[in-house]
Amino acid sequence: MGRFVRRQVEVPGSAVLALAGGVAWLVGSAALPSGTGTVVLALGLAVTAWLTVRATRSGSTGRGPRLDRDRRRRVIALVVVGVGLVVLGGMLLRATGRAELTVPLTVAVCGALLLPLASVLDRRSLLAVGAALMLLGAGGAVLALNSAGTTESQGMVGLVGGVLLWVAAAQQAGLTGELRDLIRR
């Protein structure tokens, strides 16, 4: 019989933030008209792919702490709680006729979960991103309640949330330092 080698695949947190930004951008671009939405989506996919590759390359140089078993378990628990809250909240909002609040709720929950995640990962910058996402979710909810349909709130919350997460991914991957060095030259 052959020997099985168990290998754990690790993805840097900055790559996860870049992918989350891509998902938020996808949600935002879905609210736009067909022609414009397609171009905006293509731009967002390109930025997401570029940031993910750059974040993965910078992650392989040893940036960021490795997670021990206890911290990894806490991160997984936070992700499971977040997914559960978003799914349950989305179902309840649809059942009560307030489906336009689903995207703002999702962004606010993701922002709220970044707060404890910042302490687990020892990354203080995630506190600012989490707070900004919660404010964005609250603003999107107000916009959704004061407008007809989901286009304005979904588009605004998705696109701005995507940019916030991309900026956080670039900062975590060290790309902002590279940009600062290029500007100084």
C-alpha atoms as a PDB file:
ATOM      1  CA  MET A   1       0.000   0.000   0.000  1.00  0.00           C
ATOM      2  CA  GLY A   2       1.103   3.521  -0.702  1.00  0.00           C
ATOM      3  CA  ARG A   3       1.839   6.137   1.874  1.00  0.00           C
ATOM      4  CA  PHE A   4      -0.483   9.066   2.049  1.00  0.00           C
ATOM      5  CA  VAL A   5       1.037  12.424   2.700  1.00  0.00           C
ATOM      6  CA  ARG A   6      -1.265  14.884   4.337  1.00  0.00           C
ATOM      7  CA  ARG A   7      -0.504  18.395   3.207  1.00  0.00           C
ATOM      8  CA  GLN A   8      -2.303  21.448   4.458  1.00  0.00           C
ATOM      9  CA  VAL A   9      -2.881  24.242   1.997  1.00  0.00           C
ATOM     10  CA  GLU A  10      -2.503  27.674   3.545  1.00  0.00           C
ATOM     11  CA  VAL A  11      -3.920  30.798   1.983  1.00  0.00           C
ATOM     12  CA  PRO A  12      -2.704  34.190   3.205  1.00  0.00           C
ATOM     13  CA  GLY A  13      -5.318  36.376   4.840  1.00  0.00           C
ATOM     14  CA  SER A  14      -4.668  39.122   2.317  1.00  0.00           C
ATOM     15  CA  ALA A  15      -5.649  36.744  -0.496  1.00  0.00           C
ATOM     16  CA  VAL A  16      -8.875  35.934   1.345  1.00  0.00           C
ATOM     17  CA  LEU A  17      -9.597  39.661   1.691  1.00  0.00           C
ATOM     18  CA  ALA A  18      -8.945  40.140  -2.041  1.00  0.00           C
ATOM     19  CA  LEU A  19     -11.347  37.306  -2.897  1.00  0.00           C
ATOM     20  CA  ALA A  20     -13.974  38.710  -0.517  1.00  0.00           C
ATOM     21  CA  GLY A  21     -13.567  42.071  -2.234  1.00  0.00           C
ATOM     22  CA  GLY A  22     -14.157  40.347  -5.565  1.00  0.00           C
ATOM     23  CA  VAL A  23     -17.355  38.772  -4.278  1.00  0.00           C
ATOM     24  CA  ALA A  24     -18.583  42.134  -2.973  1.00  0.00           C
ATOM     25  CA  TRP A  25     -17.711  43.745  -6.318  1.00  0.00           C
ATOM     26  CA  LEU A  26     -19.630  40.977  -8.117  1.00  0.00           C
ATOM     27  CA  VAL A  27     -22.713  41.682  -6.002  1.00  0.00           C
ATOM     28  CA  GLY A  28     -22.415  45.410  -6.661  1.00  0.00           C
ATOM     29  CA  SER A  29     -21.907  45.031 -10.397  1.00  0.00           C
ATOM     30  CA  ALA A  30     -24.947  42.748 -10.622  1.00  0.00           C
ATOM     31  CA  ALA A  31     -27.107  45.750  -9.707  1.00  0.00           C
ATOM     32  CA  LEU A  32     -25.880  47.747 -12.713  1.00  0.00           C
ATOM     33  CA  PRO A  33     -27.419  47.657 -16.218  1.00  0.00           C
ATOM     34  CA  SER A  34     -26.205  44.884 -18.533  1.00  0.00           C
ATOM     35  CA  GLY A  35     -23.556  46.688 -20.594  1.00  0.00           C
ATOM     36  CA  THR A  36     -22.086  48.764 -17.792  1.00  0.00           C
ATOM     37  CA  GLY A  37     -22.360  45.919 -15.311  1.00  0.00           C
ATOM     38  CA  THR A  38     -20.380  43.584 -17.544  1.00  0.00           C
ATOM     39  CA  VAL A  39     -17.523  46.067 -17.984  1.00  0.00           C
ATOM     40  CA  VAL A  40     -17.453  46.858 -14.261  1.00  0.00           C
ATOM     41  CA  LEU A  41     -17.524  43.145 -13.439  1.00  0.00           C
ATOM     42  CA  ALA A  42     -14.613  42.441 -15.809  1.00  0.00           C
ATOM     43  CA  LEU A  43     -12.591  45.229 -14.206  1.00  0.00           C
ATOM     44  CA  GLY A  44     -13.353  43.844 -10.761  1.00  0.00           C
ATOM     45  CA  LEU A  45     -12.361  40.305 -11.744  1.00  0.00           C
ATOM     46  CA  ALA A  46      -9.058  41.591 -13.113  1.00  0.00           C
ATOM     47  CA  VAL A  47      -8.307  43.529  -9.921  1.00  0.00           C
ATOM     48  CA  THR A  48      -9.283  40.544  -7.779  1.00  0.00           C
ATOM     49  CA  ALA A  49      -7.063  38.154  -9.743  1.00  0.00           C
ATOM     50  CA  TRP A  50      -4.109  40.567  -9.649  1.00  0.00           C
ATOM     51  CA  LEU A  51      -4.473  41.224  -5.905  1.00  0.00           C
ATOM     52  CA  THR A  52      -4.896  37.525  -5.109  1.00  0.00           C
ATOM     53  CA  VAL A  53      -1.745  36.607  -7.028  1.00  0.00           C
ATOM     54  CA  ARG A  54       0.247  39.426  -5.420  1.00  0.00           C
ATOM     55  CA  ALA A  55      -1.079  38.558  -1.964  1.00  0.00           C
ATOM     56  CA  THR A  56      -0.249  34.885  -2.421  1.00  0.00           C
ATOM     57  CA  ARG A  57       3.286  35.732  -3.542  1.00  0.00           C
ATOM     58  CA  SER A  58       3.836  38.055  -0.608  1.00  0.00           C
ATOM     59  CA  GLY A  59       2.309  35.465   1.716  1.00  0.00           C
ATOM     60  CA  SER A  60       4.858  32.867   0.663  1.00  0.00           C
ATOM     61  CA  THR A  61       7.696  35.074   1.929  1.00  0.00           C
ATOM     62  CA  GLY A  62       6.623  34.452   5.507  1.00  0.00           C
ATOM     63  CA  ARG A  63       4.503  37.508   6.283  1.00  0.00           C
ATOM     64  CA  GLY A  64       1.890  37.099   8.939  1.00  0.00           C
ATOM     65  CA  PRO A  65       1.736  34.721  11.870  1.00  0.00           C
ATOM     66  CA  ARG A  66       0.900  31.057  11.470  1.00  0.00           C
ATOM     67  CA  LEU A  67      -2.252  30.058  13.242  1.00  0.00           C
ATOM     68  CA  ASP A  68      -2.066  27.448  15.952  1.00  0.00           C
ATOM     69  CA  ARG A  69      -4.852  24.918  16.421  1.00  0.00           C
ATOM     70  CA  ASP A  70      -6.827  27.040  18.912  1.00  0.00           C
ATOM     71  CA  ARG A  71      -6.754  30.197  16.783  1.00  0.00           C
ATOM     72  CA  ARG A  72      -7.599  28.245  13.636  1.00  0.00           C
ATOM     73  CA  ARG A  73     -10.615  26.768  15.450  1.00  0.00           C
ATOM     74  CA  ARG A  74     -11.742  30.267  16.496  1.00  0.00           C
ATOM     75  CA  VAL A  75     -11.421  31.566  12.931  1.00  0.00           C
ATOM     76  CA  ILE A  76     -13.457  28.643  11.584  1.00  0.00           C
ATOM     77  CA  ALA A  77     -16.092  29.195  14.285  1.00  0.00           C
ATOM     78  CA  LEU A  78     -16.347  32.886  13.349  1.00  0.00           C
ATOM     79  CA  VAL A  79     -16.752  32.012   9.666  1.00  0.00           C
ATOM     80  CA  VAL A  80     -19.429  29.412  10.424  1.00  0.00           C
ATOM     81  CA  VAL A  81     -21.324  31.858  12.672  1.00  0.00           C
ATOM     82  CA  GLY A  82     -21.077  34.540   9.973  1.00  0.00           C
ATOM     83  CA  VAL A  83     -22.380  32.286   7.226  1.00  0.00           C
ATOM     84  CA  GLY A  84     -25.194  31.124   9.488  1.00  0.00           C
ATOM     85  CA  LEU A  85     -26.187  34.687  10.390  1.00  0.00           C
ATOM     86  CA  VAL A  86     -26.175  35.792   6.757  1.00  0.00           C
ATOM     87  CA  VAL A  87     -28.206  32.806   5.558  1.00  0.00           C
ATOM     88  CA  LEU A  88     -30.720  32.993   8.404  1.00  0.00           C
ATOM     89  CA  GLY A  89     -30.985  36.797   8.183  1.00  0.00           C
ATOM     90  CA  GLY A  90     -31.454  36.657   4.413  1.00  0.00           C
ATOM     91  CA  MET A  91     -34.209  34.076   4.741  1.00  0.00           C
ATOM     92  CA  LEU A  92     -35.994  36.079   7.432  1.00  0.00           C
ATOM     93  CA  LEU A  93     -35.726  39.298   5.438  1.00  0.00           C
ATOM     94  CA  ARG A  94     -37.127  37.630   2.320  1.00  0.00           C
ATOM     95  CA  ALA A  95     -39.966  36.080   4.322  1.00  0.00           C
ATOM     96  CA  THR A  96     -40.929  39.455   5.782  1.00  0.00           C
ATOM     97  CA  GLY A  97     -40.777  41.278   2.446  1.00  0.00           C
ATOM     98  CA  ARG A  98     -37.548  43.189   3.175  1.00  0.00           C
ATOM     99  CA  ALA A  99     -35.227  41.415   0.730  1.00  0.00           C
ATOM    100  CA  GLU A 100     -33.598  44.733  -0.227  1.00  0.00           C
ATOM    101  CA  LEU A 101     -31.845  44.685   3.163  1.00  0.00           C
ATOM    102  CA  THR A 102     -30.022  41.407   2.480  1.00  0.00           C
ATOM    103  CA  VAL A 103     -26.866  42.910   0.955  1.00  0.00           C
ATOM    104  CA  PRO A 104     -26.479  45.635   3.615  1.00  0.00           C
ATOM    105  CA  LEU A 105     -27.048  43.006   6.322  1.00  0.00           C
ATOM    106  CA  THR A 106     -24.383  40.767   4.805  1.00  0.00           C
ATOM    107  CA  VAL A 107     -21.830  43.584   4.668  1.00  0.00           C
ATOM    108  CA  ALA A 108     -22.601  44.676   8.229  1.00  0.00           C
ATOM    109  CA  VAL A 109     -22.287  41.107   9.552  1.00  0.00           C
ATOM    110  CA  CYS A 110     -18.969  40.653   7.739  1.00  0.00           C
ATOM    111  CA  GLY A 111     -17.749  43.911   9.252  1.00  0.00           C
ATOM    112  CA  ALA A 112     -18.888  42.869  12.712  1.00  0.00           C
ATOM    113  CA  LEU A 113     -17.065  39.551  12.381  1.00  0.00           C
ATOM    114  CA  LEU A 114     -13.854  41.294  11.366  1.00  0.00           C
ATOM    115  CA  LEU A 115     -13.689  42.897  14.819  1.00  0.00           C
ATOM    116  CA  PRO A 116     -13.075  39.685  16.816  1.00  0.00           C
ATOM    117  CA  LEU A 117     -11.093  38.296  13.884  1.00  0.00           C
ATOM    118  CA  ALA A 118      -8.671  41.212  14.231  1.00  0.00           C
ATOM    119  CA  SER A 119      -7.753  40.124  17.738  1.00  0.00           C
ATOM    120  CA  VAL A 120      -7.477  36.453  16.782  1.00  0.00           C
ATOM    121  CA  LEU A 121      -5.149  37.268  13.874  1.00  0.00           C
ATOM    122  CA  ASP A 122      -3.322  40.134  15.645  1.00  0.00           C
ATOM    123  CA  ARG A 123      -4.100  42.515  12.781  1.00  0.00           C
ATOM    124  CA  ARG A 124      -5.330  45.848  14.096  1.00  0.00           C
ATOM    125  CA  SER A 125      -6.044  47.226  10.635  1.00  0.00           C
ATOM    126  CA  LEU A 126      -8.967  44.818  10.371  1.00  0.00           C
ATOM    127  CA  LEU A 127     -10.704  46.834  13.098  1.00  0.00           C
ATOM    128  CA  ALA A 128     -10.919  49.847  10.807  1.00  0.00           C
ATOM    129  CA  VAL A 129     -12.099  47.729   7.869  1.00  0.00           C
ATOM    130  CA  GLY A 130     -14.732  46.035  10.041  1.00  0.00           C
ATOM    131  CA  ALA A 131     -16.005  49.362  11.367  1.00  0.00           C
ATOM    132  CA  ALA A 132     -16.132  50.827   7.845  1.00  0.00           C
ATOM    133  CA  LEU A 133     -18.062  47.788   6.575  1.00  0.00           C
ATOM    134  CA  MET A 134     -20.570  48.082   9.425  1.00  0.00           C
ATOM    135  CA  LEU A 135     -21.093  51.773   8.652  1.00  0.00           C
ATOM    136  CA  LEU A 136     -21.454  50.921   4.961  1.00  0.00           C
ATOM    137  CA  GLY A 137     -24.053  48.271   5.802  1.00  0.00           C
ATOM    138  CA  ALA A 138     -25.992  50.748   7.946  1.00  0.00           C
ATOM    139  CA  GLY A 139     -25.864  53.382   5.203  1.00  0.00           C
ATOM    140  CA  GLY A 140     -26.937  50.821   2.625  1.00  0.00           C
ATOM    141  CA  ALA A 141     -29.869  49.786   4.815  1.00  0.00           C
ATOM    142  CA  VAL A 142     -31.021  53.398   5.106  1.00  0.00           C
ATOM    143  CA  LEU A 143     -30.662  53.808   1.351  1.00  0.00           C
ATOM    144  CA  ALA A 144     -32.577  50.565   0.712  1.00  0.00           C
ATOM    145  CA  LEU A 145     -35.437  51.618   2.962  1.00  0.00           C
ATOM    146  CA  ASN A 146     -35.687  55.060   1.334  1.00  0.00           C
ATOM    147  CA  SER A 147     -35.587  53.912  -2.302  1.00  0.00           C
ATOM    148  CA  ALA A 148     -37.647  51.667  -4.519  1.00  0.00           C
ATOM    149  CA  GLY A 149     -35.864  48.427  -5.355  1.00  0.00           C
ATOM    150  CA  THR A 150     -32.417  47.089  -4.573  1.00  0.00           C
ATOM    151  CA  THR A 151     -30.369  48.667  -7.350  1.00  0.00           C
ATOM    152  CA  GLU A 152     -29.032  51.681  -5.461  1.00  0.00           C
ATOM    153  CA  SER A 153     -28.273  49.979  -2.155  1.00  0.00           C
ATOM    154  CA  GLN A 154     -26.933  46.747  -3.643  1.00  0.00           C
ATOM    155  CA  GLY A 155     -24.746  48.589  -6.153  1.00  0.00           C
ATOM    156  CA  MET A 156     -23.375  51.104  -3.672  1.00  0.00           C
ATOM    157  CA  VAL A 157     -22.789  48.635  -0.851  1.00  0.00           C
ATOM    158  CA  GLY A 158     -21.260  45.998  -3.116  1.00  0.00           C
ATOM    159  CA  LEU A 159     -18.895  48.262  -5.031  1.00  0.00           C
ATOM    160  CA  VAL A 160     -17.745  50.306  -2.031  1.00  0.00           C
ATOM    161  CA  GLY A 161     -17.404  47.157   0.086  1.00  0.00           C
ATOM    162  CA  GLY A 162     -15.291  45.571  -2.631  1.00  0.00           C
ATOM    163  CA  VAL A 163     -12.977  48.576  -2.763  1.00  0.00           C
ATOM    164  CA  LEU A 164     -12.620  48.593   1.045  1.00  0.00           C
ATOM    165  CA  LEU A 165     -11.699  44.915   1.091  1.00  0.00           C
ATOM    166  CA  TRP A 166      -9.264  45.340  -1.821  1.00  0.00           C
ATOM    167  CA  VAL A 167      -7.519  48.207  -0.045  1.00  0.00           C
ATOM    168  CA  ALA A 168      -7.262  46.094   3.099  1.00  0.00           C
ATOM    169  CA  ALA A 169      -5.844  43.195   1.056  1.00  0.00           C
ATOM    170  CA  ALA A 170      -3.274  45.471  -0.578  1.00  0.00           C
ATOM    171  CA  GLN A 171      -2.252  46.845   2.809  1.00  0.00           C
ATOM    172  CA  GLN A 172      -1.991  43.368   4.356  1.00  0.00           C
ATOM    173  CA  ALA A 173       0.090  42.116   1.422  1.00  0.00           C
ATOM    174  CA  GLY A 174       2.489  45.050   1.686  1.00  0.00           C
ATOM    175  CA  LEU A 175       1.526  46.569  -1.656  1.00  0.00           C
ATOM    176  CA  THR A 176       0.871  49.994  -0.147  1.00  0.00           C
ATOM    177  CA  GLY A 177       4.484  50.118   1.048  1.00  0.00           C
ATOM    178  CA  GLU A 178       5.677  49.242  -2.455  1.00  0.00           C
ATOM    179  CA  LEU A 179       3.470  51.976  -3.904  1.00  0.00           C
ATOM    180  CA  ARG A 180       4.823  54.474  -1.365  1.00  0.00           C
ATOM    181  CA  ASP A 181       8.400  53.550  -2.348  1.00  0.00           C
ATOM    182  CA  LEU A 182       7.596  53.978  -6.034  1.00  0.00           C
ATOM    183  CA  ILE A 183       6.112  57.415  -5.436  1.00  0.00           C
ATOM    184  CA  ARG A 184       9.163  58.577  -3.461  1.00  0.00           C
ATOM    185  CA  ARG A 185      11.556  57.734  -6.316  1.00  0.00           C
END
